[in-house]
Amino acid sequence: MSMAVHSSSELWFRRQEGAAVPALRLVCFPHAGGAASMYRGWRRYLQPEVELLAVRYPGRQDRLAEPAVESMDELAGRVTAALRPYLDRPVALFGHSMGSAVAYEVAARLESEYGVPAALLAVSGRPAPHRAVPSALHHGGDASIIDSLRRLGSTQLQVFDDPDLRELLMPALRADYRLLETYRPSQPPPVRAPIVACAGISDPRCGLDGLRSWAELGTGTFSHRLFPGGHFYTEDCEADLVAHVSKHLTTAQRGA
């Protein structure tokens, strides 16, 4: 499959190119309240033949003027459609926290809608969708959401102390929490992609059992790894995490 990349698809991804002709594309999904910029440092750790596509959710950064998406079906559906022009190369998916659930849903849609299994599904910081503990913090207002981030050890809380920044950032964060907390699939379909699950060893939201629950959603190989740190271990362990994902990308390329 070879096709031009349309501007509507480019809107959804911040591309970090390596080689002129990539062998594989790695699509990275941010956490709730996060943005594509969280993956800006990954390029220097990836192999040149891997092109990185960081997903640009509406309602933040350079899509600030757009309304944030509040439904998993809508978000996963729109990202899947935007990926179609990029399917001329194998596609691997990585997501952290909320992003892991979105990445899984996109992997399932790539299979069901296009017959294209992901080369790899790498998930981080969240149990499998059917094993996640239900919550309803979006009903409790902004203070409940910010307090939840504080308990998770977020290093970005200072931005909410500025009234102007808070006004800019909260709509997207509220929408992300609503999206995630109303997403409760009871029987999510398994995917064919190999699954790699990661988490911080002291993450209060994703213990070892939660990490292992991803094995229930794959028909291929499964592996998991714990890193030092809490929910946002991805910041301090970025180099090690990307190296770990890259190792599995190499395996996926060999099997393609």
C-alpha atoms as a PDB file:
ATOM      1  CA  MET A   1       0.000   0.000   0.000  1.00  0.00           C
ATOM      2  CA  SER A   2       1.484   3.314  -1.078  1.00  0.00           C
ATOM      3  CA  MET A   3      -0.312   6.649  -0.966  1.00  0.00           C
ATOM      4  CA  ALA A   4       0.307  10.330  -0.440  1.00  0.00           C
ATOM      5  CA  VAL A   5      -0.053  11.711   3.065  1.00  0.00           C
ATOM      6  CA  HIS A   6      -2.959  14.153   3.154  1.00  0.00           C
ATOM      7  CA  SER A   7      -2.973  17.364   5.174  1.00  0.00           C
ATOM      8  CA  SER A   8      -5.886  16.077   7.277  1.00  0.00           C
ATOM      9  CA  SER A   9      -3.704  13.161   8.368  1.00  0.00           C
ATOM     10  CA  GLU A  10      -0.668  15.362   8.984  1.00  0.00           C
ATOM     11  CA  LEU A  11      -2.771  17.392  11.410  1.00  0.00           C
ATOM     12  CA  TRP A  12      -2.884  14.404  13.765  1.00  0.00           C
ATOM     13  CA  PHE A  13       0.828  13.625  13.940  1.00  0.00           C
ATOM     14  CA  ARG A  14       4.053  15.421  14.721  1.00  0.00           C
ATOM     15  CA  ARG A  15       6.552  13.573  12.552  1.00  0.00           C
ATOM     16  CA  GLN A  16      10.119  12.942  13.646  1.00  0.00           C
ATOM     17  CA  GLU A  17      11.818  11.538  10.604  1.00  0.00           C
ATOM     18  CA  GLY A  18      14.974   9.460  10.538  1.00  0.00           C
ATOM     19  CA  ALA A  19      15.965   7.739   7.311  1.00  0.00           C
ATOM     20  CA  ALA A  20      14.543   9.136   4.067  1.00  0.00           C
ATOM     21  CA  VAL A  21      12.527   5.944   3.615  1.00  0.00           C
ATOM     22  CA  PRO A  22      11.456   4.511   6.986  1.00  0.00           C
ATOM     23  CA  ALA A  23      11.308   0.770   7.549  1.00  0.00           C
ATOM     24  CA  LEU A  24       8.758   1.159  10.343  1.00  0.00           C
ATOM     25  CA  ARG A  25       6.637   3.869  11.938  1.00  0.00           C
ATOM     26  CA  LEU A  26       6.207   4.200  15.699  1.00  0.00           C
ATOM     27  CA  VAL A  27       3.002   6.002  16.684  1.00  0.00           C
ATOM     28  CA  CYS A  28       3.127   7.441  20.227  1.00  0.00           C
ATOM     29  CA  PHE A  29       0.051   8.387  22.260  1.00  0.00           C
ATOM     30  CA  PRO A  30       0.258  10.880  25.176  1.00  0.00           C
ATOM     31  CA  HIS A  31      -1.304  10.484  28.631  1.00  0.00           C
ATOM     32  CA  ALA A  32      -4.384  12.383  29.862  1.00  0.00           C
ATOM     33  CA  GLY A  33      -3.647  16.086  29.652  1.00  0.00           C
ATOM     34  CA  GLY A  34      -0.488  15.311  27.697  1.00  0.00           C
ATOM     35  CA  ALA A  35       0.576  16.396  24.250  1.00  0.00           C
ATOM     36  CA  ALA A  36       2.804  15.278  21.385  1.00  0.00           C
ATOM     37  CA  SER A  37       5.711  17.231  22.871  1.00  0.00           C
ATOM     38  CA  MET A  38       6.187  14.569  25.554  1.00  0.00           C
ATOM     39  CA  TYR A  39       7.894  12.482  22.848  1.00  0.00           C
ATOM     40  CA  ARG A  40      10.196  15.229  21.553  1.00  0.00           C
ATOM     41  CA  GLY A  41      13.277  13.537  23.072  1.00  0.00           C
ATOM     42  CA  TRP A  42      12.634  10.046  21.703  1.00  0.00           C
ATOM     43  CA  ARG A  43      14.140  10.629  18.253  1.00  0.00           C
ATOM     44  CA  ARG A  44      17.719  10.638  19.535  1.00  0.00           C
ATOM     45  CA  TYR A  45      17.297   7.137  21.000  1.00  0.00           C
ATOM     46  CA  LEU A  46      15.560   5.494  18.039  1.00  0.00           C
ATOM     47  CA  GLN A  47      17.164   3.730  15.103  1.00  0.00           C
ATOM     48  CA  PRO A  48      17.319   5.906  11.954  1.00  0.00           C
ATOM     49  CA  GLU A  49      14.993   3.586  10.066  1.00  0.00           C
ATOM     50  CA  VAL A  50      12.176   4.206  12.574  1.00  0.00           C
ATOM     51  CA  GLU A  51       9.966   7.231  11.932  1.00  0.00           C
ATOM     52  CA  LEU A  52       8.169   8.564  14.998  1.00  0.00           C
ATOM     53  CA  LEU A  53       4.626   9.922  14.765  1.00  0.00           C
ATOM     54  CA  ALA A  54       3.605  11.637  18.010  1.00  0.00           C
ATOM     55  CA  VAL A  55      -0.180  11.916  18.180  1.00  0.00           C
ATOM     56  CA  ARG A  56      -1.524  15.465  18.431  1.00  0.00           C
ATOM     57  CA  TYR A  57      -4.782  15.315  20.381  1.00  0.00           C
ATOM     58  CA  PRO A  58      -7.208  18.201  19.712  1.00  0.00           C
ATOM     59  CA  GLY A  59      -7.569  20.890  22.372  1.00  0.00           C
ATOM     60  CA  ARG A  60      -3.915  21.475  23.234  1.00  0.00           C
ATOM     61  CA  GLN A  61      -0.708  23.064  21.918  1.00  0.00           C
ATOM     62  CA  ASP A  62      -1.027  23.751  18.169  1.00  0.00           C
ATOM     63  CA  ARG A  63      -4.603  22.365  18.160  1.00  0.00           C
ATOM     64  CA  LEU A  64      -5.683  24.473  21.118  1.00  0.00           C
ATOM     65  CA  ALA A  65      -8.529  26.141  19.217  1.00  0.00           C
ATOM     66  CA  GLU A  66     -10.214  22.791  18.512  1.00  0.00           C
ATOM     67  CA  PRO A  67     -12.587  21.145  20.987  1.00  0.00           C
ATOM     68  CA  ALA A  68     -11.044  18.232  22.864  1.00  0.00           C
ATOM     69  CA  VAL A  69     -12.510  14.792  22.167  1.00  0.00           C
ATOM     70  CA  GLU A  70     -14.545  13.257  25.007  1.00  0.00           C
ATOM     71  CA  SER A  71     -15.294   9.810  23.547  1.00  0.00           C
ATOM     72  CA  MET A  72     -12.887   6.901  23.091  1.00  0.00           C
ATOM     73  CA  ASP A  73     -14.785   5.721  20.011  1.00  0.00           C
ATOM     74  CA  GLU A  74     -14.401   9.122  18.383  1.00  0.00           C
ATOM     75  CA  LEU A  75     -10.746   9.616  19.285  1.00  0.00           C
ATOM     76  CA  ALA A  76      -9.609   6.118  18.314  1.00  0.00           C
ATOM     77  CA  GLY A  77     -11.696   6.235  15.148  1.00  0.00           C
ATOM     78  CA  ARG A  78     -10.261   9.563  14.025  1.00  0.00           C
ATOM     79  CA  VAL A  79      -6.667   8.543  14.745  1.00  0.00           C
ATOM     80  CA  THR A  80      -7.152   5.240  12.904  1.00  0.00           C
ATOM     81  CA  ALA A  81      -8.531   7.041   9.849  1.00  0.00           C
ATOM     82  CA  ALA A  82      -5.646   9.528   9.963  1.00  0.00           C
ATOM     83  CA  LEU A  83      -3.142   6.652   9.978  1.00  0.00           C
ATOM     84  CA  ARG A  84      -4.366   5.175   6.715  1.00  0.00           C
ATOM     85  CA  PRO A  85      -1.902   7.082   4.489  1.00  0.00           C
ATOM     86  CA  TYR A  86       0.966   5.851   6.672  1.00  0.00           C
ATOM     87  CA  LEU A  87       0.185   2.152   6.307  1.00  0.00           C
ATOM     88  CA  ASP A  88       2.638   1.702   3.449  1.00  0.00           C
ATOM     89  CA  ARG A  89       5.105   0.743   6.189  1.00  0.00           C
ATOM     90  CA  PRO A  90       4.628  -1.458   9.278  1.00  0.00           C
ATOM     91  CA  VAL A  91       3.143   0.537  12.153  1.00  0.00           C
ATOM     92  CA  ALA A  92       3.958   0.012  15.838  1.00  0.00           C
ATOM     93  CA  LEU A  93       2.051   1.730  18.649  1.00  0.00           C
ATOM     94  CA  PHE A  94       3.158   3.030  22.047  1.00  0.00           C
ATOM     95  CA  GLY A  95       0.938   4.703  24.626  1.00  0.00           C
ATOM     96  CA  HIS A  96       1.400   5.871  28.191  1.00  0.00           C
ATOM     97  CA  SER A  97      -1.460   5.860  30.720  1.00  0.00           C
ATOM     98  CA  MET A  98      -4.585   7.013  28.827  1.00  0.00           C
ATOM     99  CA  GLY A  99      -2.488   6.704  25.691  1.00  0.00           C
ATOM    100  CA  SER A 100      -2.129   2.956  26.217  1.00  0.00           C
ATOM    101  CA  ALA A 101      -5.907   2.523  26.049  1.00  0.00           C
ATOM    102  CA  VAL A 102      -6.118   4.677  22.912  1.00  0.00           C
ATOM    103  CA  ALA A 103      -3.218   2.761  21.333  1.00  0.00           C
ATOM    104  CA  TYR A 104      -4.978  -0.544  22.021  1.00  0.00           C
ATOM    105  CA  GLU A 105      -8.231   0.715  20.467  1.00  0.00           C
ATOM    106  CA  VAL A 106      -6.366   1.920  17.393  1.00  0.00           C
ATOM    107  CA  ALA A 107      -4.601  -1.458  17.092  1.00  0.00           C
ATOM    108  CA  ALA A 108      -7.972  -3.219  17.217  1.00  0.00           C
ATOM    109  CA  ARG A 109      -9.402  -0.901  14.545  1.00  0.00           C
ATOM    110  CA  LEU A 110      -6.400  -1.281  12.247  1.00  0.00           C
ATOM    111  CA  GLU A 111      -7.105  -5.011  12.237  1.00  0.00           C
ATOM    112  CA  SER A 112     -10.884  -4.881  11.923  1.00  0.00           C
ATOM    113  CA  GLU A 113     -11.121  -2.003   9.423  1.00  0.00           C
ATOM    114  CA  TYR A 114      -7.987  -2.387   7.297  1.00  0.00           C
ATOM    115  CA  GLY A 115      -6.829  -5.940   7.999  1.00  0.00           C
ATOM    116  CA  VAL A 116      -3.482  -4.550   9.204  1.00  0.00           C
ATOM    117  CA  PRO A 117      -2.194  -5.855  12.540  1.00  0.00           C
ATOM    118  CA  ALA A 118       0.180  -3.533  14.353  1.00  0.00           C
ATOM    119  CA  ALA A 119       3.808  -4.642  14.287  1.00  0.00           C
ATOM    120  CA  LEU A 120       3.940  -4.039  18.056  1.00  0.00           C
ATOM    121  CA  LEU A 121       1.637  -2.727  20.779  1.00  0.00           C
ATOM    122  CA  ALA A 122       3.654  -1.226  23.635  1.00  0.00           C
ATOM    123  CA  VAL A 123       1.599  -0.027  26.599  1.00  0.00           C
ATOM    124  CA  SER A 124       2.643   1.811  29.710  1.00  0.00           C
ATOM    125  CA  GLY A 125       1.319   2.850  33.098  1.00  0.00           C
ATOM    126  CA  ARG A 126      -2.205   1.439  32.900  1.00  0.00           C
ATOM    127  CA  PRO A 127      -3.879  -1.973  33.276  1.00  0.00           C
ATOM    128  CA  ALA A 128      -5.684  -3.506  30.311  1.00  0.00           C
ATOM    129  CA  PRO A 129      -8.997  -1.711  29.623  1.00  0.00           C
ATOM    130  CA  HIS A 130     -11.207  -4.447  31.072  1.00  0.00           C
ATOM    131  CA  ARG A 131      -9.096  -4.632  34.249  1.00  0.00           C
ATOM    132  CA  ALA A 132      -8.738  -0.926  35.040  1.00  0.00           C
ATOM    133  CA  VAL A 133     -10.365   0.188  38.297  1.00  0.00           C
ATOM    134  CA  PRO A 134     -13.391   2.398  37.478  1.00  0.00           C
ATOM    135  CA  SER A 135     -13.300   6.011  38.610  1.00  0.00           C
ATOM    136  CA  ALA A 136     -15.440   9.118  38.118  1.00  0.00           C
ATOM    137  CA  LEU A 137     -13.156  12.023  38.958  1.00  0.00           C
ATOM    138  CA  HIS A 138     -14.482  14.095  36.069  1.00  0.00           C
ATOM    139  CA  HIS A 139     -17.728  14.455  38.050  1.00  0.00           C
ATOM    140  CA  GLY A 140     -15.859  16.021  40.981  1.00  0.00           C
ATOM    141  CA  GLY A 141     -14.608  19.150  39.267  1.00  0.00           C
ATOM    142  CA  ASP A 142     -11.164  20.515  38.530  1.00  0.00           C
ATOM    143  CA  ALA A 143      -9.861  20.158  42.084  1.00  0.00           C
ATOM    144  CA  SER A 144     -10.479  16.397  42.056  1.00  0.00           C
ATOM    145  CA  ILE A 145      -8.629  15.986  38.775  1.00  0.00           C
ATOM    146  CA  ILE A 146      -5.651  18.075  39.854  1.00  0.00           C
ATOM    147  CA  ASP A 147      -5.489  16.219  43.175  1.00  0.00           C
ATOM    148  CA  SER A 148      -5.411  12.940  41.239  1.00  0.00           C
ATOM    149  CA  LEU A 149      -2.412  14.193  39.256  1.00  0.00           C
ATOM    150  CA  ARG A 150      -0.738  15.199  42.503  1.00  0.00           C
ATOM    151  CA  ARG A 151      -1.171  11.671  43.910  1.00  0.00           C
ATOM    152  CA  LEU A 152       0.316  10.252  40.722  1.00  0.00           C
ATOM    153  CA  GLY A 153       3.420  12.397  41.189  1.00  0.00           C
ATOM    154  CA  SER A 154       2.984  14.707  38.208  1.00  0.00           C
ATOM    155  CA  THR A 155       5.848  17.169  37.821  1.00  0.00           C
ATOM    156  CA  GLN A 156       3.712  19.629  35.844  1.00  0.00           C
ATOM    157  CA  LEU A 157       1.353  20.771  38.604  1.00  0.00           C
ATOM    158  CA  GLN A 158       2.870  24.229  38.843  1.00  0.00           C
ATOM    159  CA  VAL A 159       1.176  25.238  35.604  1.00  0.00           C
ATOM    160  CA  PHE A 160      -2.190  25.032  37.356  1.00  0.00           C
ATOM    161  CA  ASP A 161      -1.107  27.704  39.840  1.00  0.00           C
ATOM    162  CA  ASP A 162      -1.242  30.266  37.035  1.00  0.00           C
ATOM    163  CA  PRO A 163      -4.917  31.188  36.448  1.00  0.00           C
ATOM    164  CA  ASP A 164      -4.353  31.925  32.753  1.00  0.00           C
ATOM    165  CA  LEU A 165      -2.549  28.639  32.074  1.00  0.00           C
ATOM    166  CA  ARG A 166      -5.105  26.739  34.115  1.00  0.00           C
ATOM    167  CA  GLU A 167      -7.908  28.183  32.003  1.00  0.00           C
ATOM    168  CA  LEU A 168      -6.103  27.057  28.837  1.00  0.00           C
ATOM    169  CA  LEU A 169      -5.205  23.554  30.023  1.00  0.00           C
ATOM    170  CA  MET A 170      -8.204  22.375  32.023  1.00  0.00           C
ATOM    171  CA  PRO A 171     -10.683  21.867  29.141  1.00  0.00           C
ATOM    172  CA  ALA A 172      -8.454  19.243  27.522  1.00  0.00           C
ATOM    173  CA  LEU A 173      -7.675  17.595  30.856  1.00  0.00           C
ATOM    174  CA  ARG A 174     -11.368  17.434  31.785  1.00  0.00           C
ATOM    175  CA  ALA A 175     -12.184  15.927  28.388  1.00  0.00           C
ATOM    176  CA  ASP A 176      -9.430  13.313  28.723  1.00  0.00           C
ATOM    177  CA  TYR A 177     -10.655  12.233  32.160  1.00  0.00           C
ATOM    178  CA  ARG A 178     -14.224  12.046  30.884  1.00  0.00           C
ATOM    179  CA  LEU A 179     -13.093  10.010  27.877  1.00  0.00           C
ATOM    180  CA  LEU A 180     -11.127   7.574  29.994  1.00  0.00           C
ATOM    181  CA  GLU A 181     -13.651   7.220  32.803  1.00  0.00           C
ATOM    182  CA  THR A 182     -16.567   6.553  30.450  1.00  0.00           C
ATOM    183  CA  TYR A 183     -14.559   3.956  28.530  1.00  0.00           C
ATOM    184  CA  ARG A 184     -15.356   0.627  30.169  1.00  0.00           C
ATOM    185  CA  PRO A 185     -15.244  -2.232  27.656  1.00  0.00           C
ATOM    186  CA  SER A 186     -16.306  -5.522  29.231  1.00  0.00           C
ATOM    187  CA  GLN A 187     -15.005  -7.802  26.464  1.00  0.00           C
ATOM    188  CA  PRO A 188     -12.369  -5.996  24.414  1.00  0.00           C
ATOM    189  CA  PRO A 189     -11.211  -8.091  21.451  1.00  0.00           C
ATOM    190  CA  PRO A 190      -7.687  -9.538  21.438  1.00  0.00           C
ATOM    191  CA  VAL A 191      -5.207  -8.171  18.909  1.00  0.00           C
ATOM    192  CA  ARG A 192      -2.610 -10.055  16.903  1.00  0.00           C
ATOM    193  CA  ALA A 193       0.231  -7.656  17.661  1.00  0.00           C
ATOM    194  CA  PRO A 194       2.961  -8.676  20.104  1.00  0.00           C
ATOM    195  CA  ILE A 195       2.310  -6.790  23.347  1.00  0.00           C
ATOM    196  CA  VAL A 196       4.969  -5.199  25.555  1.00  0.00           C
ATOM    197  CA  ALA A 197       3.724  -3.755  28.859  1.00  0.00           C
ATOM    198  CA  CYS A 198       5.741  -1.360  31.049  1.00  0.00           C
ATOM    199  CA  ALA A 199       5.190   0.549  34.290  1.00  0.00           C
ATOM    200  CA  GLY A 200       6.979   2.257  37.134  1.00  0.00           C
ATOM    201  CA  ILE A 201       7.580  -0.094  40.033  1.00  0.00           C
ATOM    202  CA  SER A 202       5.854   2.274  42.495  1.00  0.00           C
ATOM    203  CA  ASP A 203       2.975   3.344  40.239  1.00  0.00           C
ATOM    204  CA  PRO A 204      -0.170   3.476  42.431  1.00  0.00           C
ATOM    205  CA  ARG A 205      -2.426   2.971  39.397  1.00  0.00           C
ATOM    206  CA  CYS A 206      -0.716   0.033  37.708  1.00  0.00           C
ATOM    207  CA  GLY A 207       0.756  -2.755  39.793  1.00  0.00           C
ATOM    208  CA  LEU A 208       2.244  -5.973  38.490  1.00  0.00           C
ATOM    209  CA  ASP A 209      -1.139  -7.676  38.141  1.00  0.00           C
ATOM    210  CA  GLY A 210      -2.433  -4.757  36.102  1.00  0.00           C
ATOM    211  CA  LEU A 211       0.601  -4.921  33.880  1.00  0.00           C
ATOM    212  CA  ARG A 212       0.194  -8.641  33.308  1.00  0.00           C
ATOM    213  CA  SER A 213      -3.499  -8.213  32.474  1.00  0.00           C
ATOM    214  CA  TRP A 214      -2.483  -7.030  29.001  1.00  0.00           C
ATOM    215  CA  ALA A 215      -1.561 -10.616  28.177  1.00  0.00           C
ATOM    216  CA  GLU A 216      -5.304 -11.310  28.030  1.00  0.00           C
ATOM    217  CA  LEU A 217      -5.686  -8.996  25.041  1.00  0.00           C
ATOM    218  CA  GLY A 218      -3.150 -10.535  22.698  1.00  0.00           C
ATOM    219  CA  THR A 219      -2.881 -13.675  20.626  1.00  0.00           C
ATOM    220  CA  GLY A 220       0.844 -13.161  20.015  1.00  0.00           C
ATOM    221  CA  THR A 221       3.810 -12.856  22.326  1.00  0.00           C
ATOM    222  CA  PHE A 222       3.662 -10.904  25.585  1.00  0.00           C
ATOM    223  CA  SER A 223       6.325  -9.482  27.857  1.00  0.00           C
ATOM    224  CA  HIS A 224       6.407  -6.945  30.654  1.00  0.00           C
ATOM    225  CA  ARG A 225       8.962  -4.868  32.514  1.00  0.00           C
ATOM    226  CA  LEU A 226       9.007  -2.636  35.582  1.00  0.00           C
ATOM    227  CA  PHE A 227      11.159   0.507  35.668  1.00  0.00           C
ATOM    228  CA  PRO A 228      12.304   2.558  38.674  1.00  0.00           C
ATOM    229  CA  GLY A 229       9.834   5.282  39.581  1.00  0.00           C
ATOM    230  CA  GLY A 230       6.129   5.973  39.778  1.00  0.00           C
ATOM    231  CA  HIS A 231       3.422   6.729  37.263  1.00  0.00           C
ATOM    232  CA  PHE A 232       5.560   9.244  35.392  1.00  0.00           C
ATOM    233  CA  TYR A 233       8.669   7.053  35.311  1.00  0.00           C
ATOM    234  CA  THR A 234       8.735   7.812  31.582  1.00  0.00           C
ATOM    235  CA  GLU A 235      10.448  11.139  32.308  1.00  0.00           C
ATOM    236  CA  ASP A 236      13.431   9.895  34.332  1.00  0.00           C
ATOM    237  CA  CYS A 237      13.738   6.578  32.485  1.00  0.00           C
ATOM    238  CA  GLU A 238      13.209   7.902  28.969  1.00  0.00           C
ATOM    239  CA  ALA A 239      16.454   6.538  27.495  1.00  0.00           C
ATOM    240  CA  ASP A 240      16.004   3.082  29.039  1.00  0.00           C
ATOM    241  CA  LEU A 241      12.342   2.943  28.059  1.00  0.00           C
ATOM    242  CA  VAL A 242      13.027   3.866  24.428  1.00  0.00           C
ATOM    243  CA  ALA A 243      15.880   1.347  24.305  1.00  0.00           C
ATOM    244  CA  HIS A 244      13.504  -1.334  25.611  1.00  0.00           C
ATOM    245  CA  VAL A 245      10.826  -0.472  23.057  1.00  0.00           C
ATOM    246  CA  SER A 246      13.472  -0.273  20.311  1.00  0.00           C
ATOM    247  CA  LYS A 247      14.642  -3.800  21.100  1.00  0.00           C
ATOM    248  CA  HIS A 248      11.123  -5.060  20.480  1.00  0.00           C
ATOM    249  CA  LEU A 249      10.809  -2.930  17.351  1.00  0.00           C
ATOM    250  CA  THR A 250      13.897  -4.621  15.976  1.00  0.00           C
ATOM    251  CA  THR A 251      12.339  -8.011  16.654  1.00  0.00           C
ATOM    252  CA  ALA A 252       9.116  -6.858  14.973  1.00  0.00           C
ATOM    253  CA  GLN A 253      11.030  -5.688  11.891  1.00  0.00           C
ATOM    254  CA  ARG A 254      12.770  -9.037  11.576  1.00  0.00           C
ATOM    255  CA  GLY A 255       9.420 -10.814  11.755  1.00  0.00           C
ATOM    256  CA  ALA A 256       7.753  -8.530   9.200  1.00  0.00           C
END
